[in-house]
Full PDB file with SEQRES, HELIX, SHEET, SSBOND, CRYST1, ORIGX, SCALE, CONECT and MASTER records, all heavy atoms in Angstrom:
SEQRES   1 A   40  PHE GLY PRO GLY ALA VAL ASP ILE ASP LEU LYS VAL ALA          
SEQRES   2 A   40  ALA ARG THR ALA ALA GLU ALA CYS ALA ILE VAL ARG GLN          
SEQRES   3 A   40  ARG VAL THR ALA ALA LEU ASP GLU ASN TRP PRO ILE VAL          
SEQRES   4 A   40  GLU                                                          
HELIX    1 AA1 ALA A   17  ALA A   31  1                                  15    
CRYST1    1.000    1.000    1.000  90.00  90.00  90.00 P 1           1          
ORIGX1      1.000000  0.000000  0.000000        0.00000                         
ORIGX2      0.000000  1.000000  0.000000        0.00000                         
ORIGX3      0.000000  0.000000  1.000000        0.00000                         
SCALE1      1.000000  0.000000  0.000000        0.00000                         
SCALE2      0.000000  1.000000  0.000000        0.00000                         
SCALE3      0.000000  0.000000  1.000000        0.00000                         
ATOM      1  N   PHE A   1      11.963   5.957   2.399  1.00  0.00           N  
ATOM      2  CA  PHE A   1      11.689   6.754   1.177  1.00  0.00           C  
ATOM      3  C   PHE A   1      13.106   7.118   0.551  1.00  0.00           C  
ATOM      4  O   PHE A   1      14.086   7.142   1.220  1.00  0.00           O  
ATOM      5  CB  PHE A   1      10.875   7.986   1.417  1.00  0.00           C  
ATOM      6  CG  PHE A   1      11.433   8.891   2.464  1.00  0.00           C  
ATOM      7  CD1 PHE A   1      12.410   9.757   2.282  1.00  0.00           C  
ATOM      8  CD2 PHE A   1      10.940   8.660   3.863  1.00  0.00           C  
ATOM      9  CE1 PHE A   1      12.871  10.592   3.287  1.00  0.00           C  
ATOM     10  CE2 PHE A   1      11.401   9.451   4.865  1.00  0.00           C  
ATOM     11  CZ  PHE A   1      12.402  10.431   4.508  1.00  0.00           C  
ATOM     12  N   GLY A   2      13.003   7.506  -0.722  1.00  0.00           N  
ATOM     13  CA  GLY A   2      14.117   7.932  -1.392  1.00  0.00           C  
ATOM     14  C   GLY A   2      13.660   8.566  -2.737  1.00  0.00           C  
ATOM     15  O   GLY A   2      12.544   8.635  -3.033  1.00  0.00           O  
ATOM     16  N   PRO A   3      14.664   8.955  -3.582  1.00  0.00           N  
ATOM     17  CA  PRO A   3      14.265   9.453  -4.869  1.00  0.00           C  
ATOM     18  C   PRO A   3      13.460   8.447  -5.665  1.00  0.00           C  
ATOM     19  O   PRO A   3      13.911   7.317  -5.893  1.00  0.00           O  
ATOM     20  CB  PRO A   3      15.580   9.833  -5.555  1.00  0.00           C  
ATOM     21  CG  PRO A   3      16.595   9.876  -4.559  1.00  0.00           C  
ATOM     22  CD  PRO A   3      16.093   8.921  -3.367  1.00  0.00           C  
ATOM     23  N   GLY A   4      12.221   8.783  -5.939  1.00  0.00           N  
ATOM     24  CA  GLY A   4      11.313   7.934  -6.750  1.00  0.00           C  
ATOM     25  C   GLY A   4      10.886   6.688  -6.100  1.00  0.00           C  
ATOM     26  O   GLY A   4      10.385   5.801  -6.748  1.00  0.00           O  
ATOM     27  N   ALA A   5      10.966   6.643  -4.788  1.00  0.00           N  
ATOM     28  CA  ALA A   5      10.548   5.384  -4.058  1.00  0.00           C  
ATOM     29  C   ALA A   5       9.999   5.650  -2.709  1.00  0.00           C  
ATOM     30  O   ALA A   5      10.482   6.574  -1.958  1.00  0.00           O  
ATOM     31  CB  ALA A   5      11.729   4.439  -3.925  1.00  0.00           C  
ATOM     32  N   VAL A   6       8.992   4.920  -2.227  1.00  0.00           N  
ATOM     33  CA  VAL A   6       8.459   4.986  -0.902  1.00  0.00           C  
ATOM     34  C   VAL A   6       8.002   3.541  -0.597  1.00  0.00           C  
ATOM     35  O   VAL A   6       7.315   2.899  -1.449  1.00  0.00           O  
ATOM     36  CB  VAL A   6       7.350   6.073  -0.687  1.00  0.00           C  
ATOM     37  CG1 VAL A   6       6.141   5.713  -1.540  1.00  0.00           C  
ATOM     38  CG2 VAL A   6       7.026   6.161   0.641  1.00  0.00           C  
ATOM     39  N   ASP A   7       8.464   3.091   0.560  1.00  0.00           N  
ATOM     40  CA  ASP A   7       7.978   1.774   1.028  1.00  0.00           C  
ATOM     41  C   ASP A   7       7.470   1.961   2.547  1.00  0.00           C  
ATOM     42  O   ASP A   7       7.965   2.802   3.217  1.00  0.00           O  
ATOM     43  CB  ASP A   7       9.221   0.779   1.146  1.00  0.00           C  
ATOM     44  CG  ASP A   7       9.839   0.551  -0.259  1.00  0.00           C  
ATOM     45  OD1 ASP A   7       9.145   0.670  -1.245  1.00  0.00           O  
ATOM     46  OD2 ASP A   7      11.040   0.248  -0.270  1.00  0.00           O  
ATOM     47  N   ILE A   8       6.460   1.152   2.842  1.00  0.00           N  
ATOM     48  CA  ILE A   8       5.850   1.359   4.154  1.00  0.00           C  
ATOM     49  C   ILE A   8       5.427  -0.060   4.638  1.00  0.00           C  
ATOM     50  O   ILE A   8       4.998  -0.953   3.870  1.00  0.00           O  
ATOM     51  CB  ILE A   8       4.718   2.335   4.152  1.00  0.00           C  
ATOM     52  CG1 ILE A   8       4.384   2.761   5.562  1.00  0.00           C  
ATOM     53  CG2 ILE A   8       3.519   1.806   3.357  1.00  0.00           C  
ATOM     54  CD1 ILE A   8       3.539   4.084   5.583  1.00  0.00           C  
ATOM     55  N   ASP A   9       5.643  -0.355   5.935  1.00  0.00           N  
ATOM     56  CA  ASP A   9       5.260  -1.589   6.478  1.00  0.00           C  
ATOM     57  C   ASP A   9       4.209  -1.221   7.524  1.00  0.00           C  
ATOM     58  O   ASP A   9       4.278  -0.389   8.345  1.00  0.00           O  
ATOM     59  CB  ASP A   9       6.426  -2.323   7.330  1.00  0.00           C  
ATOM     60  CG  ASP A   9       7.565  -2.682   6.370  1.00  0.00           C  
ATOM     61  OD1 ASP A   9       7.261  -2.900   5.187  1.00  0.00           O  
ATOM     62  OD2 ASP A   9       8.667  -2.802   6.895  1.00  0.00           O  
ATOM     63  N   LEU A  10       3.072  -2.018   7.504  1.00  0.00           N  
ATOM     64  CA  LEU A  10       1.922  -1.827   8.412  1.00  0.00           C  
ATOM     65  C   LEU A  10       1.523  -3.068   9.139  1.00  0.00           C  
ATOM     66  O   LEU A  10       1.561  -4.143   8.528  1.00  0.00           O  
ATOM     67  CB  LEU A  10       0.670  -1.282   7.543  1.00  0.00           C  
ATOM     68  CG  LEU A  10       0.924  -0.043   6.896  1.00  0.00           C  
ATOM     69  CD1 LEU A  10       0.543  -0.219   5.430  1.00  0.00           C  
ATOM     70  CD2 LEU A  10       0.072   1.048   7.498  1.00  0.00           C  
ATOM     71  N   LYS A  11       1.133  -2.957  10.344  1.00  0.00           N  
ATOM     72  CA  LYS A  11       0.473  -3.927  11.090  1.00  0.00           C  
ATOM     73  C   LYS A  11      -1.022  -3.930  10.827  1.00  0.00           C  
ATOM     74  O   LYS A  11      -1.567  -2.902  11.117  1.00  0.00           O  
ATOM     75  CB  LYS A  11       0.859  -3.916  12.554  1.00  0.00           C  
ATOM     76  CG  LYS A  11       0.273  -5.047  13.438  1.00  0.00           C  
ATOM     77  CD  LYS A  11       0.853  -4.926  14.861  1.00  0.00           C  
ATOM     78  CE  LYS A  11       0.388  -3.734  15.578  1.00  0.00           C  
ATOM     79  NZ  LYS A  11       0.739  -3.669  16.986  1.00  0.00           N  
ATOM     80  N   VAL A  12      -1.617  -4.960  10.244  1.00  0.00           N  
ATOM     81  CA  VAL A  12      -2.980  -4.952   9.881  1.00  0.00           C  
ATOM     82  C   VAL A  12      -3.660  -6.156  10.422  1.00  0.00           C  
ATOM     83  O   VAL A  12      -3.240  -7.211  10.394  1.00  0.00           O  
ATOM     84  CB  VAL A  12      -3.134  -4.909   8.313  1.00  0.00           C  
ATOM     85  CG1 VAL A  12      -4.523  -4.949   7.836  1.00  0.00           C  
ATOM     86  CG2 VAL A  12      -2.406  -3.801   7.757  1.00  0.00           C  
ATOM     87  N   ALA A  13      -4.974  -5.900  10.945  1.00  0.00           N  
ATOM     88  CA  ALA A  13      -5.757  -7.044  11.403  1.00  0.00           C  
ATOM     89  C   ALA A  13      -6.778  -7.414  10.267  1.00  0.00           C  
ATOM     90  O   ALA A  13      -7.445  -6.566   9.696  1.00  0.00           O  
ATOM     91  CB  ALA A  13      -6.566  -6.722  12.646  1.00  0.00           C  
ATOM     92  N   ALA A  14      -6.677  -8.723   9.790  1.00  0.00           N  
ATOM     93  CA  ALA A  14      -7.529  -9.195   8.783  1.00  0.00           C  
ATOM     94  C   ALA A  14      -7.664 -10.685   8.876  1.00  0.00           C  
ATOM     95  O   ALA A  14      -6.838 -11.357   9.490  1.00  0.00           O  
ATOM     96  CB  ALA A  14      -6.900  -8.744   7.412  1.00  0.00           C  
ATOM     97  N   ARG A  15      -8.626 -11.212   8.098  1.00  0.00           N  
ATOM     98  CA  ARG A  15      -8.813 -12.775   8.214  1.00  0.00           C  
ATOM     99  C   ARG A  15      -7.816 -13.459   7.371  1.00  0.00           C  
ATOM    100  O   ARG A  15      -7.338 -14.518   7.750  1.00  0.00           O  
ATOM    101  CB  ARG A  15     -10.202 -13.019   7.662  1.00  0.00           C  
ATOM    102  CG  ARG A  15     -11.280 -12.624   8.649  1.00  0.00           C  
ATOM    103  CD  ARG A  15     -12.672 -12.918   8.043  1.00  0.00           C  
ATOM    104  NE  ARG A  15     -13.727 -12.406   8.894  1.00  0.00           N  
ATOM    105  CZ  ARG A  15     -14.163 -11.159   9.001  1.00  0.00           C  
ATOM    106  NH1 ARG A  15     -13.607 -10.232   8.154  1.00  0.00           N  
ATOM    107  NH2 ARG A  15     -15.057 -10.752   9.719  1.00  0.00           N  
ATOM    108  N   THR A  16      -7.379 -12.857   6.251  1.00  0.00           N  
ATOM    109  CA  THR A  16      -6.449 -13.524   5.242  1.00  0.00           C  
ATOM    110  C   THR A  16      -5.455 -12.547   4.788  1.00  0.00           C  
ATOM    111  O   THR A  16      -5.584 -11.305   4.908  1.00  0.00           O  
ATOM    112  CB  THR A  16      -7.143 -14.097   4.042  1.00  0.00           C  
ATOM    113  OG1 THR A  16      -7.649 -12.951   3.245  1.00  0.00           O  
ATOM    114  CG2 THR A  16      -8.342 -15.120   4.466  1.00  0.00           C  
ATOM    115  N   ALA A  17      -4.338 -13.083   4.294  1.00  0.00           N  
ATOM    116  CA  ALA A  17      -3.214 -12.205   3.664  1.00  0.00           C  
ATOM    117  C   ALA A  17      -3.821 -11.434   2.555  1.00  0.00           C  
ATOM    118  O   ALA A  17      -3.545 -10.207   2.393  1.00  0.00           O  
ATOM    119  CB  ALA A  17      -2.111 -13.041   3.201  1.00  0.00           C  
ATOM    120  N   ALA A  18      -4.685 -12.056   1.660  1.00  0.00           N  
ATOM    121  CA  ALA A  18      -5.266 -11.275   0.548  1.00  0.00           C  
ATOM    122  C   ALA A  18      -6.111 -10.165   1.099  1.00  0.00           C  
ATOM    123  O   ALA A  18      -6.031  -9.103   0.391  1.00  0.00           O  
ATOM    124  CB  ALA A  18      -6.118 -12.367  -0.249  1.00  0.00           C  
ATOM    125  N   GLU A  19      -6.873 -10.371   2.128  1.00  0.00           N  
ATOM    126  CA  GLU A  19      -7.709  -9.264   2.639  1.00  0.00           C  
ATOM    127  C   GLU A  19      -6.871  -8.139   3.144  1.00  0.00           C  
ATOM    128  O   GLU A  19      -7.147  -6.918   2.936  1.00  0.00           O  
ATOM    129  CB  GLU A  19      -8.660  -9.804   3.783  1.00  0.00           C  
ATOM    130  CG  GLU A  19      -9.477  -8.712   4.351  1.00  0.00           C  
ATOM    131  CD  GLU A  19     -10.350  -9.262   5.477  1.00  0.00           C  
ATOM    132  OE1 GLU A  19     -10.252 -10.415   5.937  1.00  0.00           O  
ATOM    133  OE2 GLU A  19     -11.142  -8.410   6.049  1.00  0.00           O  
ATOM    134  N   ALA A  20      -5.798  -8.435   3.890  1.00  0.00           N  
ATOM    135  CA  ALA A  20      -4.908  -7.463   4.341  1.00  0.00           C  
ATOM    136  C   ALA A  20      -4.281  -6.697   3.226  1.00  0.00           C  
ATOM    137  O   ALA A  20      -4.247  -5.431   3.332  1.00  0.00           O  
ATOM    138  CB  ALA A  20      -3.830  -8.218   5.296  1.00  0.00           C  
ATOM    139  N   CYS A  21      -3.800  -7.332   2.247  1.00  0.00           N  
ATOM    140  CA  CYS A  21      -3.190  -6.674   1.073  1.00  0.00           C  
ATOM    141  C   CYS A  21      -4.214  -5.795   0.432  1.00  0.00           C  
ATOM    142  O   CYS A  21      -3.924  -4.685  -0.072  1.00  0.00           O  
ATOM    143  CB  CYS A  21      -2.607  -7.693   0.100  1.00  0.00           C  
ATOM    144  SG  CYS A  21      -1.076  -8.518   0.742  1.00  0.00           S  
ATOM    145  N   ALA A  22      -5.430  -6.203   0.213  1.00  0.00           N  
ATOM    146  CA  ALA A  22      -6.487  -5.520  -0.445  1.00  0.00           C  
ATOM    147  C   ALA A  22      -6.785  -4.202   0.273  1.00  0.00           C  
ATOM    148  O   ALA A  22      -6.919  -3.142  -0.299  1.00  0.00           O  
ATOM    149  CB  ALA A  22      -7.767  -6.241  -0.618  1.00  0.00           C  
ATOM    150  N   ILE A  23      -6.844  -4.270   1.554  1.00  0.00           N  
ATOM    151  CA  ILE A  23      -7.189  -3.119   2.447  1.00  0.00           C  
ATOM    152  C   ILE A  23      -6.083  -2.034   2.308  1.00  0.00           C  
ATOM    153  O   ILE A  23      -6.388  -0.922   1.986  1.00  0.00           O  
ATOM    154  CB  ILE A  23      -7.222  -3.501   3.975  1.00  0.00           C  
ATOM    155  CG1 ILE A  23      -8.522  -4.343   4.237  1.00  0.00           C  
ATOM    156  CG2 ILE A  23      -7.159  -2.263   4.846  1.00  0.00           C  
ATOM    157  CD1 ILE A  23      -8.492  -5.062   5.589  1.00  0.00           C  
ATOM    158  N   VAL A  24      -4.823  -2.515   2.375  1.00  0.00           N  
ATOM    159  CA  VAL A  24      -3.689  -1.589   2.242  1.00  0.00           C  
ATOM    160  C   VAL A  24      -3.551  -0.995   0.800  1.00  0.00           C  
ATOM    161  O   VAL A  24      -3.373   0.115   0.609  1.00  0.00           O  
ATOM    162  CB  VAL A  24      -2.407  -2.216   2.740  1.00  0.00           C  
ATOM    163  CG1 VAL A  24      -1.253  -1.332   2.498  1.00  0.00           C  
ATOM    164  CG2 VAL A  24      -2.430  -2.588   4.269  1.00  0.00           C  
ATOM    165  N   ARG A  25      -3.767  -1.883  -0.122  1.00  0.00           N  
ATOM    166  CA  ARG A  25      -3.561  -1.383  -1.553  1.00  0.00           C  
ATOM    167  C   ARG A  25      -4.678  -0.333  -1.840  1.00  0.00           C  
ATOM    168  O   ARG A  25      -4.336   0.740  -2.388  1.00  0.00           O  
ATOM    169  CB  ARG A  25      -3.826  -2.534  -2.498  1.00  0.00           C  
ATOM    170  CG  ARG A  25      -3.846  -2.114  -4.026  1.00  0.00           C  
ATOM    171  CD  ARG A  25      -3.980  -3.277  -4.982  1.00  0.00           C  
ATOM    172  NE  ARG A  25      -2.764  -4.216  -4.913  1.00  0.00           N  
ATOM    173  CZ  ARG A  25      -1.695  -3.985  -5.648  1.00  0.00           C  
ATOM    174  NH1 ARG A  25      -1.540  -2.917  -6.370  1.00  0.00           N  
ATOM    175  NH2 ARG A  25      -0.705  -4.877  -5.565  1.00  0.00           N  
ATOM    176  N   GLN A  26      -5.861  -0.564  -1.447  1.00  0.00           N  
ATOM    177  CA  GLN A  26      -6.988   0.418  -1.614  1.00  0.00           C  
ATOM    178  C   GLN A  26      -6.669   1.765  -0.973  1.00  0.00           C  
ATOM    179  O   GLN A  26      -6.782   2.816  -1.521  1.00  0.00           O  
ATOM    180  CB  GLN A  26      -8.295  -0.137  -1.157  1.00  0.00           C  
ATOM    181  CG  GLN A  26      -9.499   0.813  -1.351  1.00  0.00           C  
ATOM    182  CD  GLN A  26     -10.721   0.266  -0.696  1.00  0.00           C  
ATOM    183  OE1 GLN A  26     -10.677  -0.541   0.169  1.00  0.00           O  
ATOM    184  NE2 GLN A  26     -11.837   0.775  -1.230  1.00  0.00           N  
ATOM    185  N   ARG A  27      -6.196   1.726   0.223  1.00  0.00           N  
ATOM    186  CA  ARG A  27      -5.967   2.997   1.036  1.00  0.00           C  
ATOM    187  C   ARG A  27      -4.675   3.681   0.648  1.00  0.00           C  
ATOM    188  O   ARG A  27      -4.781   4.920   0.579  1.00  0.00           O  
ATOM    189  CB  ARG A  27      -5.901   2.678   2.526  1.00  0.00           C  
ATOM    190  CG  ARG A  27      -7.330   2.213   2.915  1.00  0.00           C  
ATOM    191  CD  ARG A  27      -7.623   2.447   4.388  1.00  0.00           C  
ATOM    192  NE  ARG A  27      -8.983   1.915   4.656  1.00  0.00           N  
ATOM    193  CZ  ARG A  27      -9.310   1.822   5.889  1.00  0.00           C  
ATOM    194  NH1 ARG A  27      -8.553   2.090   6.944  1.00  0.00           N  
ATOM    195  NH2 ARG A  27     -10.538   1.314   6.200  1.00  0.00           N  
ATOM    196  N   VAL A  28      -3.683   3.003   0.168  1.00  0.00           N  
ATOM    197  CA  VAL A  28      -2.467   3.608  -0.304  1.00  0.00           C  
ATOM    198  C   VAL A  28      -2.777   4.321  -1.680  1.00  0.00           C  
ATOM    199  O   VAL A  28      -2.407   5.409  -1.960  1.00  0.00           O  
ATOM    200  CB  VAL A  28      -1.281   2.675  -0.290  1.00  0.00           C  
ATOM    201  CG1 VAL A  28      -0.101   3.284  -1.137  1.00  0.00           C  
ATOM    202  CG2 VAL A  28      -0.892   2.287   1.138  1.00  0.00           C  
ATOM    203  N   THR A  29      -3.479   3.574  -2.517  1.00  0.00           N  
ATOM    204  CA  THR A  29      -3.871   4.118  -3.881  1.00  0.00           C  
ATOM    205  C   THR A  29      -4.658   5.385  -3.721  1.00  0.00           C  
ATOM    206  O   THR A  29      -4.423   6.383  -4.417  1.00  0.00           O  
ATOM    207  CB  THR A  29      -4.665   3.027  -4.637  1.00  0.00           C  
ATOM    208  OG1 THR A  29      -3.890   1.907  -4.894  1.00  0.00           O  
ATOM    209  CG2 THR A  29      -5.130   3.624  -5.996  1.00  0.00           C  
ATOM    210  N   ALA A  30      -5.588   5.413  -2.699  1.00  0.00           N  
ATOM    211  CA  ALA A  30      -6.388   6.604  -2.445  1.00  0.00           C  
ATOM    212  C   ALA A  30      -5.445   7.753  -1.859  1.00  0.00           C  
ATOM    213  O   ALA A  30      -5.784   8.902  -2.161  1.00  0.00           O  
ATOM    214  CB  ALA A  30      -7.489   6.376  -1.423  1.00  0.00           C  
ATOM    215  N   ALA A  31      -4.468   7.432  -1.156  1.00  0.00           N  
ATOM    216  CA  ALA A  31      -3.653   8.425  -0.501  1.00  0.00           C  
ATOM    217  C   ALA A  31      -2.656   9.088  -1.479  1.00  0.00           C  
ATOM    218  O   ALA A  31      -2.220  10.274  -1.370  1.00  0.00           O  
ATOM    219  CB  ALA A  31      -2.845   7.871   0.657  1.00  0.00           C  
ATOM    220  N   LEU A  32      -2.079   8.288  -2.431  1.00  0.00           N  
ATOM    221  CA  LEU A  32      -1.107   8.710  -3.312  1.00  0.00           C  
ATOM    222  C   LEU A  32      -1.736   9.098  -4.681  1.00  0.00           C  
ATOM    223  O   LEU A  32      -2.753   8.572  -5.015  1.00  0.00           O  
ATOM    224  CB  LEU A  32       0.023   7.671  -3.614  1.00  0.00           C  
ATOM    225  CG  LEU A  32       0.821   7.319  -2.387  1.00  0.00           C  
ATOM    226  CD1 LEU A  32       1.831   6.237  -2.699  1.00  0.00           C  
ATOM    227  CD2 LEU A  32       1.603   8.586  -1.866  1.00  0.00           C  
ATOM    228  N   ASP A  33      -1.065  10.005  -5.398  1.00  0.00           N  
ATOM    229  CA  ASP A  33      -1.656  10.342  -6.744  1.00  0.00           C  
ATOM    230  C   ASP A  33      -1.129   9.324  -7.790  1.00  0.00           C  
ATOM    231  O   ASP A  33      -0.360   8.392  -7.528  1.00  0.00           O  
ATOM    232  CB  ASP A  33      -1.338  11.772  -7.193  1.00  0.00           C  
ATOM    233  CG  ASP A  33       0.119  12.100  -7.247  1.00  0.00           C  
ATOM    234  OD1 ASP A  33       0.909  11.103  -7.568  1.00  0.00           O  
ATOM    235  OD2 ASP A  33       0.552  13.185  -7.013  1.00  0.00           O  
ATOM    236  N   GLU A  34      -1.585   9.487  -9.059  1.00  0.00           N  
ATOM    237  CA  GLU A  34      -1.235   8.558 -10.108  1.00  0.00           C  
ATOM    238  C   GLU A  34       0.218   8.542 -10.428  1.00  0.00           C  
ATOM    239  O   GLU A  34       0.684   7.681 -11.138  1.00  0.00           O  
ATOM    240  CB  GLU A  34      -2.070   8.833 -11.309  1.00  0.00           C  
ATOM    241  CG  GLU A  34      -1.857  10.154 -12.024  1.00  0.00           C  
ATOM    242  CD  GLU A  34      -2.530  11.342 -11.309  1.00  0.00           C  
ATOM    243  OE1 GLU A  34      -3.313  11.153 -10.461  1.00  0.00           O  
ATOM    244  OE2 GLU A  34      -2.223  12.469 -11.809  1.00  0.00           O  
ATOM    245  N   ASN A  35       1.046   9.532  -9.996  1.00  0.00           N  
ATOM    246  CA  ASN A  35       2.394   9.487 -10.174  1.00  0.00           C  
ATOM    247  C   ASN A  35       3.208   8.516  -9.351  1.00  0.00           C  
ATOM    248  O   ASN A  35       4.437   8.401  -9.493  1.00  0.00           O  
ATOM    249  CB  ASN A  35       2.986  10.946 -10.025  1.00  0.00           C  
ATOM    250  CG  ASN A  35       2.474  11.826 -11.056  1.00  0.00           C  
ATOM    251  OD1 ASN A  35       2.456  11.661 -12.193  1.00  0.00           O  
ATOM    252  ND2 ASN A  35       2.145  13.093 -10.612  1.00  0.00           N  
ATOM    253  N   TRP A  36       2.537   7.868  -8.452  1.00  0.00           N  
ATOM    254  CA  TRP A  36       3.097   6.904  -7.487  1.00  0.00           C  
ATOM    255  C   TRP A  36       2.424   5.635  -7.489  1.00  0.00           C  
ATOM    256  O   TRP A  36       1.711   5.248  -6.553  1.00  0.00           O  
ATOM    257  CB  TRP A  36       3.147   7.548  -6.049  1.00  0.00           C  
ATOM    258  CG  TRP A  36       3.991   8.662  -5.851  1.00  0.00           C  
ATOM    259  CD1 TRP A  36       3.786   9.982  -6.011  1.00  0.00           C  
ATOM    260  CD2 TRP A  36       5.469   8.524  -5.560  1.00  0.00           C  
ATOM    261  NE1 TRP A  36       4.877  10.713  -5.800  1.00  0.00           N  
ATOM    262  CE2 TRP A  36       5.937   9.860  -5.510  1.00  0.00           C  
ATOM    263  CE3 TRP A  36       6.311   7.491  -5.346  1.00  0.00           C  
ATOM    264  CZ2 TRP A  36       7.287  10.169  -5.245  1.00  0.00           C  
ATOM    265  CZ3 TRP A  36       7.591   7.771  -5.020  1.00  0.00           C  
ATOM    266  CH2 TRP A  36       8.115   9.115  -5.017  1.00  0.00           C  
ATOM    267  N   PRO A  37       2.544   4.825  -8.607  1.00  0.00           N  
ATOM    268  CA  PRO A  37       1.911   3.521  -8.710  1.00  0.00           C  
ATOM    269  C   PRO A  37       2.489   2.508  -7.711  1.00  0.00           C  
ATOM    270  O   PRO A  37       3.731   2.545  -7.528  1.00  0.00           O  
ATOM    271  CB  PRO A  37       2.101   3.147 -10.143  1.00  0.00           C  
ATOM    272  CG  PRO A  37       3.343   3.794 -10.589  1.00  0.00           C  
ATOM    273  CD  PRO A  37       3.311   5.124  -9.829  1.00  0.00           C  
ATOM    274  N   ILE A  38       1.557   1.741  -7.212  1.00  0.00           N  
ATOM    275  CA  ILE A  38       2.007   0.585  -6.294  1.00  0.00           C  
ATOM    276  C   ILE A  38       2.674  -0.448  -7.159  1.00  0.00           C  
ATOM    277  O   ILE A  38       2.051  -0.947  -8.216  1.00  0.00           O  
ATOM    278  CB  ILE A  38       0.865   0.083  -5.526  1.00  0.00           C  
ATOM    279  CG1 ILE A  38       0.313   1.139  -4.577  1.00  0.00           C  
ATOM    280  CG2 ILE A  38       1.213  -1.188  -4.805  1.00  0.00           C  
ATOM    281  CD1 ILE A  38      -1.011   0.790  -3.928  1.00  0.00           C  
ATOM    282  N   VAL A  39       3.833  -0.950  -6.769  1.00  0.00           N  
ATOM    283  CA  VAL A  39       4.522  -1.979  -7.549  1.00  0.00           C  
ATOM    284  C   VAL A  39       4.437  -3.318  -6.854  1.00  0.00           C  
ATOM    285  O   VAL A  39       4.709  -4.319  -7.443  1.00  0.00           O  
ATOM    286  CB  VAL A  39       5.937  -1.557  -7.912  1.00  0.00           C  
ATOM    287  CG1 VAL A  39       5.913  -0.361  -8.949  1.00  0.00           C  
ATOM    288  CG2 VAL A  39       6.821  -1.287  -6.657  1.00  0.00           C  
ATOM    289  N   GLU A  40       4.295  -3.272  -5.542  1.00  0.00           N  
ATOM    290  CA  GLU A  40       4.267  -4.549  -4.757  1.00  0.00           C  
ATOM    291  C   GLU A  40       3.446  -4.416  -3.409  1.00  0.00           C  
ATOM    292  O   GLU A  40       3.589  -3.388  -2.862  1.00  0.00           O  
ATOM    293  CB  GLU A  40       5.710  -4.931  -4.480  1.00  0.00           C  
ATOM    294  CG  GLU A  40       5.823  -6.268  -3.748  1.00  0.00           C  
ATOM    295  CD  GLU A  40       7.256  -6.641  -3.513  1.00  0.00           C  
ATOM    296  OE1 GLU A  40       8.101  -5.775  -3.493  1.00  0.00           O  
ATOM    297  OE2 GLU A  40       7.529  -7.868  -3.303  1.00  0.00           O  
TER     298      GLU A  40                                                      
MASTER        0    0    0    1    0    0    0    6  297    1    0    4          
END                                                                             
């Protein structure tokens, strides 16, 4: 983390890369408010 930035790496069990990304995107979006949009 730093000013205006946060990055996190997770080990995730999923069938596909797309599924793994979708799981994480959904949960991170729910955890952070609208002032912290996901960029990647």
